Protein backbone atom coordinates (compact mmCIF):
# COMPACT_ATOMS: atom_id res chain seq x y z
CA MET A 1 0.65 18.78 12.47
CA GLU A 2 3.02 18.41 9.52
CA ILE A 3 1.87 18.96 5.94
CA GLY A 4 3.80 17.80 2.90
CA LEU A 5 3.80 16.04 -0.44
CA SER A 6 4.82 12.82 -2.10
CA THR A 7 5.35 11.81 -5.71
CA PHE A 8 6.16 8.70 -7.71
CA VAL A 9 7.65 10.83 -10.52
CA GLU A 10 5.31 9.29 -13.08
CA THR A 11 5.88 9.48 -16.83
CA THR A 12 2.59 8.13 -18.16
CA PRO A 13 1.30 9.33 -21.56
CA ASP A 14 -0.40 12.72 -21.47
CA VAL A 15 -4.15 12.05 -21.54
CA GLN A 16 -4.81 14.83 -24.06
CA THR A 17 -1.84 14.52 -26.43
CA GLY A 18 -0.44 11.03 -25.86
CA GLU A 19 2.99 12.59 -25.43
CA VAL A 20 5.32 10.88 -22.96
CA ILE A 21 7.62 13.19 -21.02
CA SER A 22 11.23 12.05 -20.78
CA HIS A 23 12.53 10.69 -17.50
CA ALA A 24 15.14 13.44 -17.47
CA GLN A 25 12.60 16.25 -17.82
CA ARG A 26 10.30 14.81 -15.18
CA LEU A 27 13.16 14.41 -12.72
CA ARG A 28 14.15 18.04 -13.22
CA GLU A 29 10.55 19.09 -12.67
CA VAL A 30 10.39 17.18 -9.39
CA VAL A 31 13.43 19.02 -8.09
CA GLU A 32 11.62 22.29 -8.90
CA GLU A 33 8.56 20.99 -7.02
CA ILE A 34 10.62 20.18 -3.93
CA VAL A 35 12.24 23.62 -3.98
CA LEU A 36 8.84 25.31 -4.24
CA ALA A 37 7.44 23.16 -1.43
CA ASP A 38 10.26 24.40 0.78
CA GLN A 39 9.68 28.01 -0.22
CA VAL A 40 5.96 27.91 0.65
CA GLY A 41 6.61 26.42 4.08
CA LEU A 42 5.67 22.77 3.68
CA ASP A 43 7.25 20.31 6.10
CA VAL A 44 8.18 17.23 4.09
CA PHE A 45 8.57 15.91 0.54
CA GLY A 46 8.68 12.22 -0.31
CA VAL A 47 9.85 10.48 -3.50
CA GLY A 48 8.85 6.90 -4.21
CA GLU A 49 11.10 4.16 -5.61
CA HIS A 50 9.95 2.24 -8.70
CA HIS A 51 11.64 0.18 -11.40
CA ARG A 52 9.40 0.41 -14.45
CA LYS A 53 9.10 2.58 -17.55
CA ASP A 54 6.22 4.77 -16.34
CA TYR A 55 8.09 5.95 -13.20
CA ALA A 56 11.32 7.96 -13.40
CA ALA A 57 12.72 7.66 -9.86
CA SER A 58 14.51 4.39 -9.19
CA SER A 59 16.84 6.13 -6.71
CA PRO A 60 14.93 8.56 -4.46
CA ALA A 61 18.02 9.52 -2.46
CA ILE A 62 19.69 10.98 -5.56
CA VAL A 63 16.58 12.97 -6.51
CA LEU A 64 16.27 14.30 -2.98
CA ALA A 65 19.98 15.14 -2.83
CA ALA A 66 19.58 17.22 -5.98
CA ALA A 67 17.05 19.34 -4.10
CA ALA A 68 18.83 19.30 -0.74
CA SER A 69 21.33 22.04 -1.52
CA GLN A 70 18.55 24.24 -2.94
CA THR A 71 16.29 23.95 0.12
CA LYS A 72 16.61 25.06 3.71
CA ARG A 73 13.93 23.55 5.95
CA ILE A 74 11.84 20.87 4.30
CA ARG A 75 12.42 17.26 5.34
CA LEU A 76 13.37 14.85 2.53
CA THR A 77 12.17 11.24 2.58
CA SER A 78 11.72 8.22 0.39
CA ALA A 79 8.12 7.18 -0.15
CA VAL A 80 8.90 4.31 -0.04
CA THR A 81 12.30 2.62 -0.23
CA VAL A 82 11.58 -0.96 -1.34
CA LEU A 83 13.72 -2.42 1.40
CA SER A 84 12.96 -6.07 0.57
CA SER A 85 14.94 -5.87 -2.68
CA ALA A 86 17.58 -3.37 -1.54
CA ASP A 87 20.86 -3.67 0.36
CA PRO A 88 20.34 -2.06 3.79
CA VAL A 89 24.00 -1.03 3.93
CA ARG A 90 23.68 0.97 0.71
CA VAL A 91 20.28 2.37 1.74
CA PHE A 92 21.78 3.66 4.98
CA GLN A 93 24.81 5.10 3.21
CA ASP A 94 22.66 6.87 0.61
CA PHE A 95 20.40 8.49 3.16
CA ALA A 96 23.23 9.30 5.57
CA THR A 97 24.84 11.12 2.65
CA LEU A 98 21.55 12.93 1.97
CA ASP A 99 21.38 13.77 5.67
CA ALA A 100 24.83 15.38 5.49
CA ILE A 101 24.04 17.39 2.36
CA SER A 102 20.73 18.60 3.83
CA ASN A 103 22.23 19.14 7.31
CA GLY A 104 19.93 16.71 9.11
CA ARG A 105 16.72 16.62 7.04
CA ALA A 106 16.78 13.09 5.60
CA GLU A 107 14.38 10.26 6.41
CA ILE A 108 13.91 6.70 5.19
CA MET A 109 10.41 5.36 4.66
CA ALA A 110 10.88 1.59 4.46
CA GLY A 111 8.26 -0.65 2.87
CA ARG A 112 7.68 -3.77 0.84
CA GLY A 113 6.39 -1.76 -2.12
CA SER A 114 3.22 -2.50 -4.06
CA PHE A 115 5.08 -3.31 -7.30
CA ILE A 116 7.24 -6.39 -7.81
CA GLU A 117 9.61 -5.36 -10.64
CA SER A 118 12.56 -4.84 -8.31
CA PHE A 119 12.58 -8.45 -7.11
CA PRO A 120 13.65 -10.16 -10.37
CA LEU A 121 15.74 -7.10 -11.29
CA PHE A 122 17.94 -7.55 -8.21
CA GLY A 123 17.75 -11.34 -8.11
CA TYR A 124 15.25 -11.97 -5.31
CA ASP A 125 12.50 -14.58 -5.10
CA LEU A 126 8.99 -13.29 -4.46
CA GLN A 127 8.39 -16.36 -2.30
CA ASP A 128 10.72 -14.69 0.23
CA TYR A 129 8.70 -11.44 0.16
CA ASP A 130 7.97 -11.18 3.90
CA GLU A 131 11.16 -12.81 5.12
CA LEU A 132 13.29 -10.42 3.06
CA PHE A 133 11.65 -7.36 4.56
CA ASP A 134 11.93 -8.58 8.15
CA GLU A 135 15.61 -9.49 7.77
CA LYS A 136 16.61 -6.31 5.98
CA LEU A 137 14.73 -4.06 8.37
CA GLU A 138 16.60 -5.73 11.23
CA LEU A 139 19.93 -5.00 9.54
CA LEU A 140 19.00 -1.40 8.67
CA LEU A 141 18.06 -0.65 12.28
CA LYS A 142 21.25 -2.29 13.53
CA ILE A 143 23.33 -0.11 11.21
CA ARG A 144 21.68 3.09 12.38
CA THR A 145 22.28 2.08 16.02
CA SER A 146 25.93 1.13 15.75
CA GLU A 147 28.88 2.36 13.67
CA LYS A 148 30.44 -1.10 13.70
CA VAL A 149 28.10 -3.91 12.72
CA THR A 150 28.14 -7.66 13.27
CA TRP A 151 25.17 -9.39 11.66
CA ARG A 152 24.12 -12.62 9.99
CA GLY A 153 20.97 -13.40 8.01
CA GLY A 154 19.68 -15.77 5.38
CA HIS A 155 19.58 -13.61 2.26
CA ARG A 156 22.70 -11.44 2.47
CA PRO A 157 26.36 -12.19 3.25
CA ALA A 158 27.22 -11.80 6.91
CA ILE A 159 28.95 -8.70 8.31
CA GLN A 160 31.65 -9.13 10.94
CA ASN A 161 32.53 -6.03 12.94
CA LEU A 162 32.61 -3.70 9.93
CA GLY A 163 31.98 0.04 9.93
CA VAL A 164 29.25 1.65 7.83
CA TYR A 165 29.92 5.22 6.69
CA PRO A 166 29.18 8.07 6.49
CA ARG A 167 27.35 8.49 9.75
CA PRO A 168 24.32 10.79 9.58
CA VAL A 169 23.86 14.18 11.18
CA GLN A 170 20.72 12.93 12.92
CA ASP A 171 21.18 10.30 15.61
CA PRO A 172 19.28 8.19 14.95
CA LEU A 173 18.50 8.67 11.27
CA PRO A 174 14.66 8.53 11.12
CA VAL A 175 13.23 5.29 9.74
CA TRP A 176 9.48 5.11 9.10
CA ILE A 177 7.48 1.98 8.31
CA GLY A 178 5.22 2.32 5.28
CA SER A 179 2.02 0.28 5.22
CA GLY A 180 -0.98 -0.06 2.96
CA GLY A 181 -3.11 -0.94 5.97
CA ASN A 182 -1.66 -4.32 6.86
CA THR A 183 -2.26 -5.19 10.52
CA GLN A 184 1.07 -6.90 10.97
CA SER A 185 2.93 -3.90 9.57
CA ALA A 186 1.25 -1.61 12.10
CA ILE A 187 2.01 -3.97 14.96
CA ARG A 188 5.66 -4.32 13.86
CA ALA A 189 6.07 -0.55 13.71
CA GLY A 190 4.55 -0.23 17.17
CA LEU A 191 6.70 -2.93 18.73
CA LEU A 192 9.81 -1.28 17.28
CA GLY A 193 8.68 2.19 18.32
CA LEU A 194 9.03 3.44 14.74
CA PRO A 195 6.83 6.09 13.08
CA LEU A 196 4.12 4.68 10.80
CA VAL A 197 3.00 5.86 7.34
CA LEU A 198 -0.37 4.66 6.07
CA ALA A 199 -1.22 4.69 2.36
CA ILE A 200 -4.85 5.83 2.65
CA ILE A 201 -5.85 5.78 -1.01
CA GLY A 202 -9.25 4.08 -0.97
CA GLY A 203 -12.38 3.51 1.08
CA ARG A 204 -13.13 5.70 4.07
CA PRO A 205 -10.06 7.09 5.87
CA VAL A 206 -11.80 6.88 9.27
CA GLN A 207 -11.65 3.10 8.90
CA PHE A 208 -7.91 3.37 9.62
CA ALA A 209 -8.54 4.62 13.16
CA PRO A 210 -8.57 1.09 14.70
CA LEU A 211 -5.27 0.35 12.96
CA VAL A 212 -3.68 3.43 14.52
CA GLU A 213 -4.97 2.34 17.93
CA LEU A 214 -3.54 -1.14 17.39
CA TYR A 215 -0.19 0.45 16.51
CA LYS A 216 -0.23 2.49 19.70
CA ARG A 217 -1.19 -0.48 21.86
CA ALA A 218 1.67 -2.53 20.43
CA ALA A 219 4.08 0.33 21.15
CA ALA A 220 2.82 0.71 24.71
CA GLN A 221 3.17 -3.03 25.34
CA ALA A 222 6.77 -2.85 24.11
CA GLY A 223 7.50 -0.03 26.56
CA HIS A 224 7.64 2.86 24.09
CA ASP A 225 6.37 6.35 24.91
CA VAL A 226 3.10 6.52 22.95
CA SER A 227 3.00 10.32 23.23
CA LYS A 228 6.08 10.50 21.01
CA LEU A 229 4.70 8.30 18.23
CA THR A 230 4.00 9.88 14.85
CA VAL A 231 1.57 8.61 12.23
CA ALA A 232 1.47 9.86 8.65
CA SER A 233 -1.02 9.54 5.82
CA HIS A 234 -0.06 9.31 2.16
CA SER A 235 -3.21 10.20 0.20
CA HIS A 236 -3.98 11.16 -3.39
CA GLY A 237 -5.25 14.65 -4.05
CA PHE A 238 -5.03 17.98 -5.80
CA VAL A 239 -5.69 21.62 -4.91
CA ALA A 240 -6.95 24.39 -7.22
CA GLU A 241 -8.63 27.75 -6.71
CA ASP A 242 -12.08 26.15 -6.85
CA THR A 243 -13.27 22.59 -6.29
CA GLN A 244 -14.74 22.00 -9.75
CA THR A 245 -11.50 23.03 -11.42
CA ALA A 246 -9.51 20.80 -9.08
CA ALA A 247 -11.73 17.81 -9.86
CA ASP A 248 -11.75 18.39 -13.62
CA LYS A 249 -7.95 18.76 -13.77
CA PHE A 250 -7.15 15.79 -11.52
CA PHE A 251 -9.61 13.22 -12.88
CA PRO A 252 -8.23 12.43 -16.38
CA SER A 253 -4.72 11.36 -15.37
CA THR A 254 -6.02 9.65 -12.24
CA GLN A 255 -8.49 7.62 -14.28
CA GLN A 256 -5.80 6.64 -16.75
CA VAL A 257 -3.41 5.40 -14.06
CA MET A 258 -6.08 3.60 -12.06
CA ASN A 259 -7.35 1.74 -15.12
CA VAL A 260 -3.85 0.74 -16.26
CA LEU A 261 -3.12 -0.62 -12.79
CA GLY A 262 -6.61 -2.09 -12.66
CA LYS A 263 -5.93 -4.24 -15.71
CA GLU A 264 -2.72 -5.49 -14.09
CA ARG A 265 -4.36 -6.25 -10.76
CA GLY A 266 -7.93 -7.16 -11.63
CA TRP A 267 -9.65 -4.05 -10.31
CA GLY A 268 -12.97 -2.78 -11.62
CA HIS A 269 -13.20 0.08 -14.12
CA TYR A 270 -12.47 3.51 -12.64
CA ASP A 271 -14.93 6.14 -13.86
CA ARG A 272 -16.03 9.65 -12.92
CA SER A 273 -18.68 8.43 -10.48
CA THR A 274 -16.04 6.40 -8.60
CA PHE A 275 -13.78 9.45 -8.54
CA ASP A 276 -16.52 11.82 -7.35
CA ALA A 277 -17.54 9.45 -4.57
CA ALA A 278 -13.92 9.25 -3.39
CA ARG A 279 -13.63 13.04 -3.18
CA SER A 280 -16.67 13.34 -0.91
CA PHE A 281 -15.97 14.49 2.64
CA GLU A 282 -15.66 10.91 3.93
CA GLY A 283 -13.74 9.67 0.89
CA ALA A 284 -10.01 9.11 0.41
CA LEU A 285 -9.36 11.70 -2.32
CA TYR A 286 -8.25 15.12 -1.08
CA VAL A 287 -9.37 17.10 -4.12
CA GLY A 288 -10.81 20.60 -4.03
CA ASP A 289 -10.27 24.21 -3.16
CA PRO A 290 -8.02 25.05 -0.18
CA GLU A 291 -10.87 25.12 2.34
CA THR A 292 -12.26 21.77 1.21
CA VAL A 293 -8.88 20.05 1.36
CA ALA A 294 -8.01 21.68 4.70
CA GLN A 295 -11.25 20.53 6.32
CA LYS A 296 -10.70 16.95 5.15
CA ILE A 297 -7.17 16.93 6.57
CA ILE A 298 -8.44 18.37 9.87
CA HIS A 299 -11.10 15.64 9.99
CA LEU A 300 -8.43 12.98 9.38
CA ARG A 301 -6.31 14.35 12.23
CA LYS A 302 -9.20 14.42 14.68
CA GLN A 303 -10.77 11.09 13.76
CA VAL A 304 -7.76 8.91 12.93
CA GLY A 305 -4.88 10.52 14.82
CA ILE A 306 -2.70 11.40 11.83
CA THR A 307 0.13 13.78 12.80
CA ARG A 308 1.63 14.17 9.31
CA PHE A 309 -0.34 14.48 6.07
CA MET A 310 1.34 13.91 2.69
CA LEU A 311 -0.65 14.86 -0.39
CA HIS A 312 0.32 12.61 -3.29
CA VAL A 313 0.28 14.69 -6.45
CA PRO A 314 0.20 14.19 -9.36
CA VAL A 315 -1.29 10.79 -10.08
CA GLY A 316 -0.14 10.17 -13.63
CA THR A 317 1.14 12.92 -15.90
CA MET A 318 -0.27 16.41 -15.30
CA PRO A 319 0.94 19.80 -16.56
CA HIS A 320 3.88 20.91 -14.45
CA ASP A 321 2.36 24.37 -13.96
CA ASP A 322 -0.80 22.81 -12.48
CA VAL A 323 1.25 20.72 -10.06
CA MET A 324 3.29 23.76 -9.02
CA ASN A 325 0.09 25.74 -8.42
CA ALA A 326 -1.29 22.91 -6.26
CA ILE A 327 1.92 22.91 -4.21
CA ARG A 328 1.72 26.69 -3.81
CA LEU A 329 -1.89 26.51 -2.61
CA LEU A 330 -1.15 23.62 -0.25
CA GLY A 331 1.65 25.59 1.39
CA THR A 332 0.12 29.07 1.48
CA GLU A 333 -3.57 28.36 2.02
CA VAL A 334 -4.23 24.76 3.10
CA ALA A 335 -1.40 24.26 5.60
CA PRO A 336 -2.04 27.48 7.59
CA ARG A 337 -5.73 26.59 7.96
CA VAL A 338 -4.90 23.09 9.17
CA ARG A 339 -2.17 24.16 11.58
CA GLU A 340 -4.30 26.90 13.12
CA GLU A 341 -7.33 24.67 13.67
CA ILE A 342 -5.33 21.70 14.98
CA ALA A 343 -3.39 23.92 17.40
CA ARG A 344 -6.67 25.35 18.67
CA TRP A 345 -8.22 21.88 18.99
CA GLU A 346 -5.19 20.38 20.75
CA ALA A 347 -5.22 23.23 23.27
CA THR A 348 -8.66 22.07 24.42
CA LEU A 349 -7.65 18.43 24.96
């Protein structure tokens, strides 16, 4: 069972002061967070790609590369790379470079993305949303399979027997499929035999169990070894010394972000009762003291089949010291509890 973190490197206004941290400062903080995550024994750190003012990381590979030479063991992944609006050749080159710098610790998490700013920015039509992803995923997988590539599609100039360099340390370079719970995404990942990442950020996480089973059935039908499949969860949360402190610290920025996005997307108002319901044992928020968070992760592993858990923190702008403390607790107190219990449970299966 792998335990790690993800971040969108947000630069929303501070709830208390209204101050907006600079992109430069927040990026430097994230590198510190990755280094600490490595030091406390966490397995993976993911950085999401966005192209708007309230998110500082438009190029996750560069952020991760900044941390690569300062870390030794932790795996470094995008979370996600918006593949539909990217050039797969450049994506592969960026992460192959990261793989070299980190000596084989890079991963690509490919997804459509839940924001649309990158499409007009890079000259793509949203009407081609699905077609773009399918075509570019095909090219990305072809590049990682073969040094010389011949390929033709509908949205990018053809490639005729050209080499793509550098080649990564890992062969193949890991490519995960990110999904918000879309059935077709899970089936596609299964048919391709690729690891799956589920954004479990609402409702009841156990409701994702049928989707994981569908993923595994698709993989089995395509002839892949189901025992080697890995499934990750990306879920919002926060860890503090006691549960009340964790909830009180995490709620303000979470509420702010959810209500800003809610106005954009037509969601209902996000209030403390919504938040408290989501951090119940069956809810999708992993907020609390180390024991509370550990038990929820263990439950997710046993009921849904998750083999990697990524705590997404912070949501919105939080004090850097609080985020660092949450990372420290996740690595030193939550992860050991989860690993010990899951190892004991798996030994009985």
